[in-house]
Amino acid sequence: DAMNLENTKSVVEVAEAAEVNDYLKLGWALINQYVIDVGELRQPSQRPRYILAWQNSEAPPQHPENSTYLTRQREMEEWEAKRKRDTEEWQALMAAPFEKTKT
């Protein structure tokens, strides 16, 4: 049974074999793998990368709880929340001198 890539709903790239196994247990399919050379001197410098596809059209993609994907997603949400707070604080500071001149 050949895999049809047109059925892919989501794709992730991971670097650790343990994480690949966690994805496979959830129903993801390994669709490709490759090796990158990170150029470290005097030590092994090739690192594997694995590409996995979610092809279940009946359910949204599931990610392992400690996956790199979810960790990055949480970090981005935290960064966005901080950026929003910082922007609101900056806008309040910039508006403060003008509020005083209105009275």
Protein backbone atom coordinates (compact mmCIF):
# COMPACT_ATOMS: atom_id res chain seq x y z
CA ASP A 1 0.00 0.00 0.00
CA ALA A 2 1.86 3.07 -1.28
CA MET A 3 1.43 6.26 0.70
CA ASN A 4 -0.35 9.04 -1.17
CA LEU A 5 1.25 12.34 -0.18
CA GLU A 6 -1.83 14.19 -1.43
CA ASN A 7 -3.64 12.90 1.67
CA THR A 8 -1.20 14.75 3.95
CA LYS A 9 -2.93 17.24 6.26
CA SER A 10 0.10 18.37 8.28
CA VAL A 11 3.89 17.89 8.24
CA VAL A 12 6.48 18.08 11.02
CA GLU A 13 10.26 17.80 11.01
CA VAL A 14 12.00 16.34 14.04
CA ALA A 15 15.60 15.56 14.93
CA GLU A 16 15.38 12.95 17.68
CA ALA A 17 14.55 9.29 17.10
CA ALA A 18 12.60 9.09 20.38
CA GLU A 19 10.36 11.93 19.20
CA VAL A 20 9.86 10.19 15.84
CA ASN A 21 8.70 7.09 17.71
CA ASP A 22 6.26 9.17 19.76
CA TYR A 23 4.78 10.59 16.55
CA LEU A 24 4.56 7.15 14.94
CA LYS A 25 2.64 5.84 17.99
CA LEU A 26 0.07 8.61 17.45
CA GLY A 27 -0.47 7.60 13.82
CA TRP A 28 1.94 9.86 11.91
CA ALA A 29 3.76 8.39 8.89
CA LEU A 30 7.47 8.78 8.22
CA ILE A 31 7.66 10.19 4.69
CA ASN A 32 11.30 11.21 4.41
CA GLN A 33 14.60 11.42 6.23
CA TYR A 34 17.87 13.18 5.55
CA VAL A 35 21.13 14.11 7.25
CA ILE A 36 22.54 17.59 7.81
CA ASP A 37 26.15 18.42 8.52
CA VAL A 38 26.42 20.98 11.31
CA GLY A 39 30.15 21.45 10.73
CA GLU A 40 31.48 20.66 14.19
CA LEU A 41 35.25 20.10 14.22
CA ARG A 42 36.82 16.90 15.57
CA GLN A 43 33.51 15.21 16.34
CA PRO A 44 30.68 13.61 14.43
CA SER A 45 28.82 16.48 12.83
CA GLN A 46 26.02 14.80 10.94
CA ARG A 47 22.54 15.03 12.42
CA PRO A 48 19.49 13.13 11.17
CA ARG A 49 16.21 14.84 10.36
CA TYR A 50 12.90 13.05 9.98
CA ILE A 51 9.83 14.30 8.11
CA LEU A 52 6.49 12.95 9.30
CA ALA A 53 3.02 13.40 7.81
CA TRP A 54 -0.43 13.38 9.42
CA GLN A 55 -2.83 11.83 6.92
CA ASN A 56 -5.89 11.16 9.05
CA SER A 57 -8.70 13.24 7.55
CA GLU A 58 -11.05 12.28 10.38
CA ALA A 59 -9.08 13.96 13.18
CA PRO A 60 -6.85 17.00 13.67
CA PRO A 61 -3.11 16.33 13.95
CA GLN A 62 -2.02 15.01 17.33
CA HIS A 63 1.40 15.90 18.70
CA PRO A 64 3.29 14.16 21.52
CA GLU A 65 2.97 16.16 24.74
CA ASN A 66 6.67 17.03 24.93
CA SER A 67 7.19 17.46 21.21
CA THR A 68 9.39 20.15 19.74
CA TYR A 69 6.33 21.38 17.83
CA LEU A 70 4.24 21.98 20.97
CA THR A 71 7.20 23.46 22.82
CA ARG A 72 7.75 25.96 20.00
CA GLN A 73 4.03 26.70 19.85
CA ARG A 74 3.94 27.45 23.61
CA GLU A 75 7.04 29.64 23.27
CA MET A 76 5.43 31.59 20.41
CA GLU A 77 2.21 32.06 22.41
CA GLU A 78 4.22 33.32 25.39
CA TRP A 79 6.23 35.65 23.13
CA GLU A 80 3.04 37.01 21.52
CA ALA A 81 1.45 37.61 24.94
CA LYS A 82 4.58 39.43 26.16
CA ARG A 83 4.76 41.49 22.96
CA LYS A 84 1.12 42.49 23.41
CA ARG A 85 1.70 43.49 27.06
CA ASP A 86 4.83 45.44 26.12
CA THR A 87 2.99 47.23 23.32
CA GLU A 88 0.10 48.15 25.63
CA GLU A 89 2.55 49.43 28.27
CA TRP A 90 4.44 51.46 25.67
CA GLN A 91 1.20 52.94 24.30
CA ALA A 92 0.10 53.88 27.82
CA LEU A 93 3.46 55.55 28.51
CA MET A 94 3.35 57.46 25.24
CA ALA A 95 -0.23 58.60 25.88
CA ALA A 96 0.43 59.71 29.48
CA PRO A 97 2.08 63.07 28.64
CA PHE A 98 -0.77 63.92 26.28
CA GLU A 99 -3.40 63.04 28.88
CA LYS A 100 -1.85 65.56 31.30
CA THR A 101 -1.95 68.36 28.72
CA LYS A 102 -5.65 67.83 28.04
CA THR A 103 -6.66 68.83 31.59
